[in-house]
C-alpha cells in the first residue's frame, strides 16, 4: 500500500497555534525523528454526503525540539492529513483541490485540550498543535493538515502477553493502579472509544500509569461508577475462553471467581 506520509524523518514542524484562552502554547519547532506507523481512513462520496467527513491519514511519529539531541525531550507527534475521496487519488489537480476541507480539530486534539483545561493528570499532556493547509502541489491541494504533539512519559504500552505472564500478585497491583487511574479519568466525562492493553502506558519500574488512545472518544456521565467489565475491555480480566486467542494465559497462578472470570 502506498504511503501518504513518507520520508518525513528530519523534517521540522513549527507549532504556532493562535492564543485560545486558556491555552497559550509558545511557538516551538519540532524535528521528526522516527516514523512509527500510519493508518488511512478513506471516505467515499456517499460517506461525505452522510456527514462522515473527508478521508484522512493519521501518522504517528517520534519527535524532539529542533536542535536538541536530549532523549528526555522526545515526544509523540500525530499528523492528520486529508486524503482524496476514494477513487479520485490519481485524478487531476482541480478535482482533488475541489475536495479541500478547512482546518480540522480531530477528536483527539479536542479531548487533549479539554483534559488540559480541566487539569487531568492521568492522560498524556498536550504540548502544542497546529492547524495547517496542504501545499498546492500536495495530495489534496489546500486540504487540511493537523499536527498534534504530546508528551512521552516513562513507560510503554502494556503488553497483554507480558501481563498474563506475570505472577498473580503483580497482576493485581497493575489492576489496582489501573482502576485508580481509570476512575479518575471518568471524573472528566470521557473515555477511549477503543480500549486495549496498548492504551495503558505503564512504567514497570515505578508503577506509574497513564491512559492514552483518544482518537475515538465516548462521553460518559461524570458520576459513572466502576464496573469490572472495564477490566475485560483492557484485557486485564478474562470473561470467557473466547478471549484466549487475544491474551494467551501463560501464568500458572490464575484465580477463577464464582462468575467464571479469570484474574
C-alpha atoms as a PDB file:
ATOM      1  CA  UNK A   1       0.000   0.000   0.000  1.00  0.00           C
ATOM      2  CA  UNK A   2       1.310   3.451  -0.910  1.00  0.00           C
ATOM      3  CA  UNK A   3       2.268   5.720   1.969  1.00  0.00           C
ATOM      4  CA  UNK A   4       0.662   9.120   2.344  1.00  0.00           C
ATOM      5  CA  UNK A   5       3.288  10.397   4.802  1.00  0.00           C
ATOM      6  CA  UNK A   6       6.656   9.107   3.520  1.00  0.00           C
ATOM      7  CA  UNK A   7      10.163  10.448   4.112  1.00  0.00           C
ATOM      8  CA  UNK A   8       9.414  12.899   6.926  1.00  0.00           C
ATOM      9  CA  UNK A   9      12.331  11.898   9.167  1.00  0.00           C
ATOM     10  CA  UNK A  10      14.413  15.005   9.750  1.00  0.00           C
ATOM     11  CA  UNK A  11      11.626  17.385   8.731  1.00  0.00           C
ATOM     12  CA  UNK A  12      10.889  20.299  11.038  1.00  0.00           C
ATOM     13  CA  UNK A  13       7.390  21.402  12.001  1.00  0.00           C
ATOM     14  CA  UNK A  14       6.669  24.680  13.758  1.00  0.00           C
ATOM     15  CA  UNK A  15       3.644  24.593  16.021  1.00  0.00           C
ATOM     16  CA  UNK A  16       2.136  28.046  16.189  1.00  0.00           C
ATOM     17  CA  UNK A  17      -1.440  27.637  17.327  1.00  0.00           C
ATOM     18  CA  UNK A  18      -3.110  31.015  17.966  1.00  0.00           C
ATOM     19  CA  UNK A  19      -3.802  32.051  21.586  1.00  0.00           C
ATOM     20  CA  UNK A  20      -7.079  30.494  22.622  1.00  0.00           C
ATOM     21  CA  UNK A  21      -7.780  31.115  26.310  1.00  0.00           C
ATOM     22  CA  UNK A  22      -6.995  29.250  28.467  1.00  0.00           C
ATOM     23  CA  UNK A  23      -4.379  27.858  26.025  1.00  0.00           C
ATOM     24  CA  UNK A  24      -1.235  29.829  25.298  1.00  0.00           C
ATOM     25  CA  UNK A  25       1.229  27.488  23.604  1.00  0.00           C
ATOM     26  CA  UNK A  26       4.540  29.127  22.783  1.00  0.00           C
ATOM     27  CA  UNK A  27       5.618  28.730  19.167  1.00  0.00           C
ATOM     28  CA  UNK A  28       8.041  25.814  19.017  1.00  0.00           C
ATOM     29  CA  UNK A  29       9.734  23.889  16.222  1.00  0.00           C
ATOM     30  CA  UNK A  30       9.865  20.095  16.431  1.00  0.00           C
ATOM     31  CA  UNK A  31      12.017  17.779  14.367  1.00  0.00           C
ATOM     32  CA  UNK A  32      10.603  14.414  13.330  1.00  0.00           C
ATOM     33  CA  UNK A  33      12.956  11.657  14.474  1.00  0.00           C
ATOM     34  CA  UNK A  34      11.199   8.427  13.536  1.00  0.00           C
ATOM     35  CA  UNK A  35       8.026   7.274  11.859  1.00  0.00           C
ATOM     36  CA  UNK A  36       6.097   4.688  13.877  1.00  0.00           C
ATOM     37  CA  UNK A  37       3.139   3.959  11.615  1.00  0.00           C
ATOM     38  CA  UNK A  38       0.337   5.445   9.551  1.00  0.00           C
ATOM     39  CA  UNK A  39      -3.253   4.416   9.000  1.00  0.00           C
ATOM     40  CA  UNK A  40      -5.501   5.766   6.207  1.00  0.00           C
ATOM     41  CA  UNK A  41      -9.241   6.255   6.683  1.00  0.00           C
ATOM     42  CA  UNK A  42     -10.702   6.632   3.205  1.00  0.00           C
ATOM     43  CA  UNK A  43     -14.093   8.199   2.552  1.00  0.00           C
ATOM     44  CA  UNK A  44     -16.391   7.687  -0.423  1.00  0.00           C
ATOM     45  CA  UNK A  45     -18.677  10.348  -1.858  1.00  0.00           C
ATOM     46  CA  UNK A  46     -21.533   8.628  -0.018  1.00  0.00           C
ATOM     47  CA  UNK A  47     -19.625   8.816   3.301  1.00  0.00           C
ATOM     48  CA  UNK A  48     -19.088  12.536   2.865  1.00  0.00           C
ATOM     49  CA  UNK A  49     -22.760  13.039   1.953  1.00  0.00           C
ATOM     50  CA  UNK A  50     -23.661  11.172   5.166  1.00  0.00           C
ATOM     51  CA  UNK A  51     -21.642  13.708   7.175  1.00  0.00           C
ATOM     52  CA  UNK A  52     -18.738  11.362   7.896  1.00  0.00           C
ATOM     53  CA  UNK A  53     -16.389  13.985   6.524  1.00  0.00           C
ATOM     54  CA  UNK A  54     -13.438  13.679   4.143  1.00  0.00           C
ATOM     55  CA  UNK A  55     -10.931  10.844   4.311  1.00  0.00           C
ATOM     56  CA  UNK A  56      -7.650  11.309   6.100  1.00  0.00           C
ATOM     57  CA  UNK A  57      -4.480   9.542   7.109  1.00  0.00           C
ATOM     58  CA  UNK A  58      -3.212   9.521  10.693  1.00  0.00           C
ATOM     59  CA  UNK A  59       0.540   9.122  11.097  1.00  0.00           C
ATOM     60  CA  UNK A  60       2.420   8.571  14.340  1.00  0.00           C
ATOM     61  CA  UNK A  61       5.951   9.836  14.846  1.00  0.00           C
ATOM     62  CA  UNK A  62       8.596  10.419  17.479  1.00  0.00           C
ATOM     63  CA  UNK A  63       9.889  13.985  17.555  1.00  0.00           C
ATOM     64  CA  UNK A  64      12.056  16.309  19.626  1.00  0.00           C
ATOM     65  CA  UNK A  65      12.640  20.065  19.843  1.00  0.00           C
ATOM     66  CA  UNK A  66      14.651  21.188  16.812  1.00  0.00           C
ATOM     67  CA  UNK A  67      18.330  21.490  17.652  1.00  0.00           C
ATOM     68  CA  UNK A  68      18.118  19.183  20.661  1.00  0.00           C
ATOM     69  CA  UNK A  69      19.596  15.699  20.981  1.00  0.00           C
ATOM     70  CA  UNK A  70      18.335  15.107  24.509  1.00  0.00           C
ATOM     71  CA  UNK A  71      16.386  11.843  24.721  1.00  0.00           C
ATOM     72  CA  UNK A  72      14.355  13.071  27.683  1.00  0.00           C
ATOM     73  CA  UNK A  73      12.762  15.689  25.433  1.00  0.00           C
ATOM     74  CA  UNK A  74      11.396  13.164  22.923  1.00  0.00           C
ATOM     75  CA  UNK A  75       7.649  13.478  22.358  1.00  0.00           C
ATOM     76  CA  UNK A  76       4.945  11.983  20.152  1.00  0.00           C
ATOM     77  CA  UNK A  77       3.566  13.713  17.082  1.00  0.00           C
ATOM     78  CA  UNK A  78       0.383  12.768  15.272  1.00  0.00           C
ATOM     79  CA  UNK A  79      -0.188  14.119  11.788  1.00  0.00           C
ATOM     80  CA  UNK A  80      -3.727  14.128  10.429  1.00  0.00           C
ATOM     81  CA  UNK A  81      -3.774  14.817   6.702  1.00  0.00           C
ATOM     82  CA  UNK A  82      -6.759  14.966   4.386  1.00  0.00           C
ATOM     83  CA  UNK A  83      -6.603  12.433   1.555  1.00  0.00           C
ATOM     84  CA  UNK A  84      -8.603  12.340  -1.698  1.00  0.00           C
ATOM     85  CA  UNK A  85     -12.066  10.828  -1.885  1.00  0.00           C
ATOM     86  CA  UNK A  86     -11.819   7.118  -2.699  1.00  0.00           C
ATOM     87  CA  UNK A  87     -11.386   6.630  -6.437  1.00  0.00           C
ATOM     88  CA  UNK A  88     -10.047  10.128  -7.137  1.00  0.00           C
ATOM     89  CA  UNK A  89      -6.482   9.668  -5.854  1.00  0.00           C
ATOM     90  CA  UNK A  90      -4.976   9.934  -9.347  1.00  0.00           C
ATOM     91  CA  UNK A  91      -7.410  12.375 -10.895  1.00  0.00           C
ATOM     92  CA  UNK A  92      -6.336  15.836 -11.974  1.00  0.00           C
ATOM     93  CA  UNK A  93      -5.357  18.666  -9.690  1.00  0.00           C
ATOM     94  CA  UNK A  94      -8.624  20.600  -9.958  1.00  0.00           C
ATOM     95  CA  UNK A  95     -10.753  17.616  -8.895  1.00  0.00           C
ATOM     96  CA  UNK A  96      -8.642  16.952  -5.829  1.00  0.00           C
ATOM     97  CA  UNK A  97      -8.375  20.657  -4.962  1.00  0.00           C
ATOM     98  CA  UNK A  98     -12.182  20.952  -5.035  1.00  0.00           C
ATOM     99  CA  UNK A  99     -12.310  18.451  -2.155  1.00  0.00           C
ATOM    100  CA  UNK A 100     -10.228  20.636   0.184  1.00  0.00           C
ATOM    101  CA  UNK A 101     -11.721  20.990   3.647  1.00  0.00           C
ATOM    102  CA  UNK A 102     -10.969  23.758   6.129  1.00  0.00           C
ATOM    103  CA  UNK A 103      -8.945  23.438   9.361  1.00  0.00           C
ATOM    104  CA  UNK A 104      -9.856  20.331  11.339  1.00  0.00           C
ATOM    105  CA  UNK A 105      -9.531  19.683  15.054  1.00  0.00           C
ATOM    106  CA  UNK A 106      -9.764  15.909  15.290  1.00  0.00           C
ATOM    107  CA  UNK A 107     -11.388  14.260  18.307  1.00  0.00           C
ATOM    108  CA  UNK A 108      -8.017  13.504  19.875  1.00  0.00           C
ATOM    109  CA  UNK A 109      -6.976  17.153  19.900  1.00  0.00           C
ATOM    110  CA  UNK A 110     -10.333  18.271  21.286  1.00  0.00           C
ATOM    111  CA  UNK A 111     -10.050  15.673  24.062  1.00  0.00           C
ATOM    112  CA  UNK A 112      -6.450  16.540  24.980  1.00  0.00           C
ATOM    113  CA  UNK A 113      -7.319  20.243  25.142  1.00  0.00           C
ATOM    114  CA  UNK A 114     -10.279  19.504  27.395  1.00  0.00           C
ATOM    115  CA  UNK A 115      -8.187  17.323  29.690  1.00  0.00           C
ATOM    116  CA  UNK A 116      -5.519  20.012  29.898  1.00  0.00           C
ATOM    117  CA  UNK A 117      -8.063  22.717  30.675  1.00  0.00           C
ATOM    118  CA  UNK A 118      -9.564  20.624  33.481  1.00  0.00           C
ATOM    119  CA  UNK A 119      -6.216  19.571  34.946  1.00  0.00           C
ATOM    120  CA  UNK A 120      -6.420  15.833  34.233  1.00  0.00           C
ATOM    121  CA  UNK A 121      -3.050  14.265  35.076  1.00  0.00           C
ATOM    122  CA  UNK A 122      -3.739  10.631  34.119  1.00  0.00           C
ATOM    123  CA  UNK A 123      -3.538  11.320  30.372  1.00  0.00           C
ATOM    124  CA  UNK A 124      -0.608  12.466  28.254  1.00  0.00           C
ATOM    125  CA  UNK A 125      -0.067  16.217  28.314  1.00  0.00           C
ATOM    126  CA  UNK A 126      -0.684  18.222  25.147  1.00  0.00           C
ATOM    127  CA  UNK A 127       2.450  20.181  24.213  1.00  0.00           C
ATOM    128  CA  UNK A 128       1.146  22.033  21.181  1.00  0.00           C
ATOM    129  CA  UNK A 129      -0.665  21.778  17.880  1.00  0.00           C
ATOM    130  CA  UNK A 130      -1.023  23.404  14.506  1.00  0.00           C
ATOM    131  CA  UNK A 131      -3.975  23.593  12.128  1.00  0.00           C
ATOM    132  CA  UNK A 132      -2.451  23.919   8.684  1.00  0.00           C
ATOM    133  CA  UNK A 133      -3.169  23.707   4.985  1.00  0.00           C
ATOM    134  CA  UNK A 134      -1.583  21.473   2.374  1.00  0.00           C
ATOM    135  CA  UNK A 135       0.606  22.981  -0.338  1.00  0.00           C
ATOM    136  CA  UNK A 136      -0.774  23.481  -3.818  1.00  0.00           C
ATOM    137  CA  UNK A 137       1.247  20.518  -5.130  1.00  0.00           C
ATOM    138  CA  UNK A 138       0.165  18.187  -2.314  1.00  0.00           C
ATOM    139  CA  UNK A 139      -2.267  15.276  -2.493  1.00  0.00           C
ATOM    140  CA  UNK A 140      -5.322  17.455  -1.718  1.00  0.00           C
ATOM    141  CA  UNK A 141      -4.225  20.979  -2.676  1.00  0.00           C
ATOM    142  CA  UNK A 142      -5.398  23.355   0.030  1.00  0.00           C
ATOM    143  CA  UNK A 143      -6.752  20.478   2.134  1.00  0.00           C
ATOM    144  CA  UNK A 144      -6.206  20.378   5.876  1.00  0.00           C
ATOM    145  CA  UNK A 145      -3.210  19.026   7.738  1.00  0.00           C
ATOM    146  CA  UNK A 146      -3.183  18.969  11.533  1.00  0.00           C
ATOM    147  CA  UNK A 147      -0.193  18.404  13.805  1.00  0.00           C
ATOM    148  CA  UNK A 148      -0.604  17.355  17.439  1.00  0.00           C
ATOM    149  CA  UNK A 149       2.321  16.871  19.853  1.00  0.00           C
ATOM    150  CA  UNK A 150       2.013  15.352  23.312  1.00  0.00           C
ATOM    151  CA  UNK A 151       4.468  14.273  25.970  1.00  0.00           C
ATOM    152  CA  UNK A 152       6.199  10.915  26.046  1.00  0.00           C
ATOM    153  CA  UNK A 153       6.194   9.702  29.630  1.00  0.00           C
ATOM    154  CA  UNK A 154       8.309   6.949  31.137  1.00  0.00           C
ATOM    155  CA  UNK A 155       6.964   3.502  30.396  1.00  0.00           C
ATOM    156  CA  UNK A 156       5.488   1.669  27.427  1.00  0.00           C
ATOM    157  CA  UNK A 157       2.168   0.452  26.141  1.00  0.00           C
ATOM    158  CA  UNK A 158       1.112  -2.505  28.278  1.00  0.00           C
ATOM    159  CA  UNK A 159       1.692  -5.810  26.514  1.00  0.00           C
ATOM    160  CA  UNK A 160      -1.123  -8.309  27.094  1.00  0.00           C
ATOM    161  CA  UNK A 161       1.181 -11.333  26.782  1.00  0.00           C
ATOM    162  CA  UNK A 162       3.569  -9.880  29.327  1.00  0.00           C
ATOM    163  CA  UNK A 163       0.725  -9.043  31.697  1.00  0.00           C
ATOM    164  CA  UNK A 164      -0.665 -12.591  31.621  1.00  0.00           C
ATOM    165  CA  UNK A 165       2.814 -13.993  32.188  1.00  0.00           C
ATOM    166  CA  UNK A 166       3.220 -12.077  35.464  1.00  0.00           C
ATOM    167  CA  UNK A 167       2.559 -13.557  38.912  1.00  0.00           C
ATOM    168  CA  UNK A 168      -0.966 -13.045  40.248  1.00  0.00           C
ATOM    169  CA  UNK A 169       0.238 -10.559  42.877  1.00  0.00           C
ATOM    170  CA  UNK A 170       1.811  -8.340  40.223  1.00  0.00           C
ATOM    171  CA  UNK A 171      -1.270  -8.524  38.003  1.00  0.00           C
ATOM    172  CA  UNK A 172      -3.339  -7.430  40.981  1.00  0.00           C
ATOM    173  CA  UNK A 173      -1.056  -4.457  41.561  1.00  0.00           C
ATOM    174  CA  UNK A 174      -1.471  -3.394  37.935  1.00  0.00           C
ATOM    175  CA  UNK A 175      -5.260  -3.827  38.116  1.00  0.00           C
ATOM    176  CA  UNK A 176      -5.444  -1.764  41.307  1.00  0.00           C
ATOM    177  CA  UNK A 177      -3.407   1.024  39.734  1.00  0.00           C
ATOM    178  CA  UNK A 178      -5.489   0.863  36.553  1.00  0.00           C
ATOM    179  CA  UNK A 179      -8.742   1.161  38.496  1.00  0.00           C
ATOM    180  CA  UNK A 180      -7.385   4.140  40.428  1.00  0.00           C
ATOM    181  CA  UNK A 181      -6.297   5.895  37.227  1.00  0.00           C
ATOM    182  CA  UNK A 182      -9.431   4.999  35.248  1.00  0.00           C
ATOM    183  CA  UNK A 183     -11.837   6.133  37.956  1.00  0.00           C
ATOM    184  CA  UNK A 184     -10.019   9.458  37.975  1.00  0.00           C
ATOM    185  CA  UNK A 185     -10.364   9.637  34.181  1.00  0.00           C
ATOM    186  CA  UNK A 186     -14.129   9.051  34.370  1.00  0.00           C
ATOM    187  CA  UNK A 187     -14.478  12.172  36.517  1.00  0.00           C
ATOM    188  CA  UNK A 188     -13.569  14.196  33.419  1.00  0.00           C
ATOM    189  CA  UNK A 189     -16.509  12.867  31.408  1.00  0.00           C
ATOM    190  CA  UNK A 190     -14.975  10.766  28.649  1.00  0.00           C
ATOM    191  CA  UNK A 191     -13.056   7.593  27.951  1.00  0.00           C
ATOM    192  CA  UNK A 192     -11.256   5.994  24.983  1.00  0.00           C
ATOM    193  CA  UNK A 193     -13.628   4.583  22.408  1.00  0.00           C
ATOM    194  CA  UNK A 194     -11.404   1.621  21.516  1.00  0.00           C
ATOM    195  CA  UNK A 195      -9.988   0.149  24.744  1.00  0.00           C
ATOM    196  CA  UNK A 196      -6.998  -2.204  24.614  1.00  0.00           C
ATOM    197  CA  UNK A 197      -3.981  -3.018  26.798  1.00  0.00           C
ATOM    198  CA  UNK A 198      -1.854  -0.883  24.466  1.00  0.00           C
ATOM    199  CA  UNK A 199      -3.802   2.192  25.609  1.00  0.00           C
ATOM    200  CA  UNK A 200      -2.372   1.743  29.101  1.00  0.00           C
ATOM    201  CA  UNK A 201       1.046   3.382  29.413  1.00  0.00           C
ATOM    202  CA  UNK A 202       2.774   1.606  32.285  1.00  0.00           C
ATOM    203  CA  UNK A 203       6.198   2.036  33.835  1.00  0.00           C
ATOM    204  CA  UNK A 204       7.177  -1.342  35.262  1.00  0.00           C
ATOM    205  CA  UNK A 205       9.953   0.223  37.341  1.00  0.00           C
ATOM    206  CA  UNK A 206       7.893   2.867  39.138  1.00  0.00           C
ATOM    207  CA  UNK A 207       4.289   1.669  38.741  1.00  0.00           C
ATOM    208  CA  UNK A 208       3.273   4.972  37.147  1.00  0.00           C
ATOM    209  CA  UNK A 209       0.382   4.719  34.682  1.00  0.00           C
ATOM    210  CA  UNK A 210      -1.380   6.907  32.121  1.00  0.00           C
ATOM    211  CA  UNK A 211      -4.285   6.340  29.733  1.00  0.00           C
ATOM    212  CA  UNK A 212      -3.954   7.077  26.010  1.00  0.00           C
ATOM    213  CA  UNK A 213      -5.971   6.379  22.873  1.00  0.00           C
ATOM    214  CA  UNK A 214      -8.367   9.287  22.399  1.00  0.00           C
ATOM    215  CA  UNK A 215      -8.626   9.087  18.626  1.00  0.00           C
ATOM    216  CA  UNK A 216     -12.185   7.990  19.336  1.00  0.00           C
ATOM    217  CA  UNK A 217     -13.924   9.154  22.484  1.00  0.00           C
ATOM    218  CA  UNK A 218     -17.044   8.085  24.335  1.00  0.00           C
ATOM    219  CA  UNK A 219     -18.586  10.729  26.574  1.00  0.00           C
ATOM    220  CA  UNK A 220     -19.792   9.469  29.939  1.00  0.00           C
ATOM    221  CA  UNK A 221     -21.576  10.875  32.956  1.00  0.00           C
ATOM    222  CA  UNK A 222     -19.006  12.160  35.442  1.00  0.00           C
ATOM    223  CA  UNK A 223     -20.762  10.165  38.162  1.00  0.00           C
ATOM    224  CA  UNK A 224     -20.235   6.867  36.296  1.00  0.00           C
ATOM    225  CA  UNK A 225     -19.308   4.110  38.733  1.00  0.00           C
ATOM    226  CA  UNK A 226     -16.663   1.449  38.317  1.00  0.00           C
ATOM    227  CA  UNK A 227     -17.666  -1.772  36.549  1.00  0.00           C
ATOM    228  CA  UNK A 228     -15.387  -4.833  36.366  1.00  0.00           C
ATOM    229  CA  UNK A 229     -16.239  -5.154  32.680  1.00  0.00           C
ATOM    230  CA  UNK A 230     -13.790  -2.287  32.190  1.00  0.00           C
ATOM    231  CA  UNK A 231     -11.022  -4.725  33.137  1.00  0.00           C
ATOM    232  CA  UNK A 232     -12.201  -7.046  30.363  1.00  0.00           C
ATOM    233  CA  UNK A 233     -12.153  -4.225  27.807  1.00  0.00           C
ATOM    234  CA  UNK A 234      -8.494  -3.646  28.544  1.00  0.00           C
ATOM    235  CA  UNK A 235      -7.563  -7.326  28.699  1.00  0.00           C
ATOM    236  CA  UNK A 236      -6.885  -7.287  32.459  1.00  0.00           C
ATOM    237  CA  UNK A 237      -9.646  -9.788  33.271  1.00  0.00           C
ATOM    238  CA  UNK A 238     -10.950 -12.602  31.077  1.00  0.00           C
ATOM    239  CA  UNK A 239     -14.696 -13.242  30.987  1.00  0.00           C
ATOM    240  CA  UNK A 240     -14.521 -16.331  28.784  1.00  0.00           C
ATOM    241  CA  UNK A 241     -12.185 -18.720  26.991  1.00  0.00           C
ATOM    242  CA  UNK A 242     -13.007 -16.854  23.757  1.00  0.00           C
ATOM    243  CA  UNK A 243     -10.517 -14.168  24.792  1.00  0.00           C
ATOM    244  CA  UNK A 244      -7.612 -16.611  24.967  1.00  0.00           C
ATOM    245  CA  UNK A 245      -6.650 -16.022  21.328  1.00  0.00           C
ATOM    246  CA  UNK A 246      -6.133 -12.347  22.183  1.00  0.00           C
ATOM    247  CA  UNK A 247      -4.487 -12.812  25.559  1.00  0.00           C
ATOM    248  CA  UNK A 248      -2.847 -16.242  25.967  1.00  0.00           C
ATOM    249  CA  UNK A 249      -2.567 -17.015  29.670  1.00  0.00           C
ATOM    250  CA  UNK A 250       0.948 -18.218  30.459  1.00  0.00           C
ATOM    251  CA  UNK A 251       0.887 -17.704  34.211  1.00  0.00           C
ATOM    252  CA  UNK A 252       0.244 -20.739  36.403  1.00  0.00           C
ATOM    253  CA  UNK A 253      -1.420 -18.845  39.265  1.00  0.00           C
ATOM    254  CA  UNK A 254      -4.664 -17.717  37.662  1.00  0.00           C
ATOM    255  CA  UNK A 255      -7.611 -17.112  40.004  1.00  0.00           C
ATOM    256  CA  UNK A 256     -11.121 -18.005  38.775  1.00  0.00           C
ATOM    257  CA  UNK A 257     -14.010 -16.336  40.592  1.00  0.00           C
ATOM    258  CA  UNK A 258     -17.565 -17.629  41.086  1.00  0.00           C
ATOM    259  CA  UNK A 259     -18.675 -15.956  37.823  1.00  0.00           C
ATOM    260  CA  UNK A 260     -16.066 -17.816  35.817  1.00  0.00           C
ATOM    261  CA  UNK A 261     -13.861 -14.777  35.286  1.00  0.00           C
ATOM    262  CA  UNK A 262     -10.129 -15.373  35.300  1.00  0.00           C
ATOM    263  CA  UNK A 263      -7.821 -12.962  37.092  1.00  0.00           C
END
